[in-house]
Amino acid sequence: MTLIIICYDDSNDKRKRIYSVSALGREQEIVGNEISDALSDIFYDGFSDVDSGKNAGKKVVVLS
């Protein structure tokens, strides 16, 4: 069994449990972030930033 999250008792307070991400969990987080970034790039590819006088100082997204 491969653990992604590790749980153990707090040495100062036995009522508390401490949770930590294992090395495998950190690897999966990195892969997940890379996939998310790639999908975001694909999704936002059709959009562009436009700054007109009417919306000066505001970020406006216009479908090109």
N, C-alpha and C. Protein backbone atom coordinates (compact mmCIF):
# COMPACT_ATOMS: atom_id res chain seq x y z
N MET A 1 0.85 -1.18 0.00
CA MET A 1 0.00 0.00 0.00
C MET A 1 0.89 1.24 0.00
N THR A 2 0.64 2.15 -0.92
CA THR A 2 1.42 3.37 -1.02
C THR A 2 0.65 4.52 -0.37
N LEU A 3 1.32 5.21 0.53
CA LEU A 3 0.69 6.32 1.24
C LEU A 3 1.01 7.65 0.58
N ILE A 4 -0.02 8.46 0.42
CA ILE A 4 0.17 9.81 -0.10
C ILE A 4 0.21 10.80 1.06
N ILE A 5 -0.60 10.54 2.08
CA ILE A 5 -0.64 11.39 3.27
C ILE A 5 -0.22 10.56 4.47
N ILE A 6 0.67 11.13 5.28
CA ILE A 6 1.16 10.45 6.48
C ILE A 6 0.55 11.15 7.69
N CYS A 7 0.06 10.36 8.64
CA CYS A 7 -0.57 10.90 9.83
C CYS A 7 0.16 10.38 11.06
N TYR A 8 0.44 11.27 12.01
CA TYR A 8 1.08 10.84 13.25
C TYR A 8 0.65 11.74 14.40
N ASP A 9 0.88 11.28 15.64
CA ASP A 9 0.49 12.02 16.84
C ASP A 9 1.44 13.19 17.08
N ASP A 10 0.88 14.28 17.60
CA ASP A 10 1.69 15.43 18.02
C ASP A 10 2.41 15.05 19.31
N SER A 11 3.70 15.31 19.37
CA SER A 11 4.48 14.93 20.56
C SER A 11 4.13 15.79 21.77
N ASN A 12 3.61 16.99 21.56
CA ASN A 12 3.27 17.88 22.68
C ASN A 12 1.83 17.75 23.14
N ASP A 13 0.93 17.43 22.25
CA ASP A 13 -0.49 17.36 22.58
C ASP A 13 -1.07 16.09 21.94
N LYS A 14 -1.34 15.10 22.76
CA LYS A 14 -1.80 13.79 22.26
C LYS A 14 -3.20 13.86 21.65
N ARG A 15 -3.92 14.97 21.85
CA ARG A 15 -5.24 15.11 21.24
C ARG A 15 -5.14 15.47 19.77
N LYS A 16 -3.98 15.97 19.35
CA LYS A 16 -3.80 16.44 17.98
C LYS A 16 -3.16 15.37 17.11
N ARG A 17 -3.53 15.40 15.84
CA ARG A 17 -2.90 14.55 14.83
C ARG A 17 -2.23 15.47 13.82
N ILE A 18 -1.07 15.09 13.34
CA ILE A 18 -0.35 15.88 12.35
C ILE A 18 -0.37 15.11 11.03
N TYR A 19 -0.70 15.83 9.96
CA TYR A 19 -0.78 15.23 8.63
C TYR A 19 0.31 15.83 7.76
N SER A 20 0.96 15.00 6.99
CA SER A 20 2.04 15.43 6.11
C SER A 20 1.90 14.70 4.78
N VAL A 21 2.38 15.33 3.73
CA VAL A 21 2.34 14.72 2.40
C VAL A 21 3.61 13.91 2.19
N SER A 22 3.47 12.69 1.72
CA SER A 22 4.63 11.83 1.45
C SER A 22 5.33 12.29 0.17
N ALA A 23 6.48 11.70 -0.11
CA ALA A 23 7.22 12.03 -1.33
C ALA A 23 6.37 11.75 -2.57
N LEU A 24 5.63 10.65 -2.56
CA LEU A 24 4.75 10.32 -3.69
C LEU A 24 3.66 11.39 -3.84
N GLY A 25 3.12 11.84 -2.72
CA GLY A 25 2.11 12.90 -2.77
C GLY A 25 2.66 14.18 -3.36
N ARG A 26 3.89 14.54 -3.01
CA ARG A 26 4.51 15.75 -3.57
C ARG A 26 4.73 15.59 -5.08
N GLU A 27 5.14 14.40 -5.51
CA GLU A 27 5.33 14.15 -6.95
C GLU A 27 4.00 14.29 -7.70
N GLN A 28 2.93 13.77 -7.12
CA GLN A 28 1.63 13.86 -7.76
C GLN A 28 1.15 15.30 -7.82
N GLU A 29 1.47 16.09 -6.79
CA GLU A 29 1.11 17.51 -6.78
C GLU A 29 1.82 18.24 -7.92
N ILE A 30 3.10 17.95 -8.12
CA ILE A 30 3.87 18.58 -9.19
C ILE A 30 3.28 18.24 -10.56
N VAL A 31 2.97 16.97 -10.77
CA VAL A 31 2.38 16.53 -12.05
C VAL A 31 1.01 17.19 -12.25
N GLY A 32 0.22 17.23 -11.20
CA GLY A 32 -1.10 17.86 -11.28
C GLY A 32 -1.01 19.34 -11.64
N ASN A 33 -0.04 20.04 -11.06
CA ASN A 33 0.14 21.46 -11.37
C ASN A 33 0.58 21.66 -12.81
N GLU A 34 1.45 20.78 -13.32
CA GLU A 34 1.90 20.88 -14.71
C GLU A 34 0.73 20.66 -15.67
N ILE A 35 -0.11 19.68 -15.38
CA ILE A 35 -1.28 19.41 -16.22
C ILE A 35 -2.24 20.59 -16.17
N SER A 36 -2.47 21.13 -14.99
CA SER A 36 -3.37 22.28 -14.84
C SER A 36 -2.86 23.48 -15.63
N ASP A 37 -1.57 23.75 -15.57
CA ASP A 37 -0.98 24.86 -16.32
C ASP A 37 -1.15 24.65 -17.83
N ALA A 38 -0.91 23.43 -18.29
CA ALA A 38 -1.04 23.13 -19.72
C ALA A 38 -2.48 23.32 -20.19
N LEU A 39 -3.44 22.84 -19.40
CA LEU A 39 -4.85 22.99 -19.77
C LEU A 39 -5.28 24.45 -19.73
N SER A 40 -4.76 25.22 -18.77
CA SER A 40 -5.06 26.66 -18.71
C SER A 40 -4.55 27.37 -19.95
N ASP A 41 -3.34 27.02 -20.39
CA ASP A 41 -2.78 27.62 -21.60
C ASP A 41 -3.66 27.35 -22.81
N ILE A 42 -4.17 26.13 -22.92
CA ILE A 42 -5.05 25.76 -24.03
C ILE A 42 -6.36 26.54 -23.94
N PHE A 43 -6.95 26.60 -22.74
CA PHE A 43 -8.24 27.27 -22.56
C PHE A 43 -8.15 28.76 -22.85
N TYR A 44 -7.13 29.43 -22.32
CA TYR A 44 -7.03 30.89 -22.45
C TYR A 44 -6.35 31.33 -23.74
N ASP A 45 -6.01 30.41 -24.63
CA ASP A 45 -5.33 30.74 -25.87
C ASP A 45 -6.15 31.68 -26.75
N GLY A 46 -7.46 31.59 -26.72
CA GLY A 46 -8.32 32.42 -27.56
C GLY A 46 -8.63 33.78 -26.97
N PHE A 47 -8.11 34.11 -25.81
CA PHE A 47 -8.37 35.38 -25.15
C PHE A 47 -7.16 36.30 -25.26
N SER A 48 -7.42 37.60 -25.24
CA SER A 48 -6.32 38.57 -25.21
C SER A 48 -6.67 39.69 -24.25
N ASP A 49 -5.66 40.38 -23.74
CA ASP A 49 -5.87 41.51 -22.84
C ASP A 49 -5.99 42.79 -23.67
N VAL A 50 -7.01 43.60 -23.38
CA VAL A 50 -7.22 44.85 -24.09
C VAL A 50 -7.41 45.95 -23.05
N ASP A 51 -6.72 47.07 -23.24
CA ASP A 51 -6.88 48.20 -22.34
C ASP A 51 -7.35 49.39 -23.18
N SER A 52 -8.64 49.70 -23.09
CA SER A 52 -9.19 50.83 -23.85
C SER A 52 -9.39 52.00 -22.90
N GLY A 53 -9.69 53.19 -23.47
CA GLY A 53 -9.90 54.38 -22.65
C GLY A 53 -11.05 54.20 -21.67
N LYS A 54 -12.10 53.50 -22.10
CA LYS A 54 -13.27 53.28 -21.25
C LYS A 54 -12.92 52.45 -20.02
N ASN A 55 -12.02 51.52 -20.18
CA ASN A 55 -11.65 50.62 -19.08
C ASN A 55 -10.20 50.82 -18.65
N ALA A 56 -9.72 52.05 -18.71
CA ALA A 56 -8.32 52.33 -18.36
C ALA A 56 -8.02 51.85 -16.95
N GLY A 57 -6.94 51.12 -16.82
CA GLY A 57 -6.53 50.62 -15.51
C GLY A 57 -7.17 49.31 -15.11
N LYS A 58 -8.19 48.88 -15.85
CA LYS A 58 -8.86 47.62 -15.56
C LYS A 58 -8.41 46.58 -16.57
N LYS A 59 -8.33 45.35 -16.14
CA LYS A 59 -7.97 44.27 -17.05
C LYS A 59 -9.25 43.75 -17.70
N VAL A 60 -9.28 43.83 -19.02
CA VAL A 60 -10.44 43.38 -19.78
C VAL A 60 -10.01 42.23 -20.66
N VAL A 61 -10.79 41.17 -20.67
CA VAL A 61 -10.50 40.02 -21.52
C VAL A 61 -11.49 40.02 -22.67
N VAL A 62 -10.96 40.01 -23.90
CA VAL A 62 -11.79 40.04 -25.10
C VAL A 62 -11.50 38.80 -25.92
N LEU A 63 -12.55 38.13 -26.36
CA LEU A 63 -12.39 36.96 -27.22
C LEU A 63 -11.98 37.42 -28.61
N SER A 64 -10.84 36.91 -29.09
CA SER A 64 -10.34 37.36 -30.40
C SER A 64 -10.80 36.45 -31.52
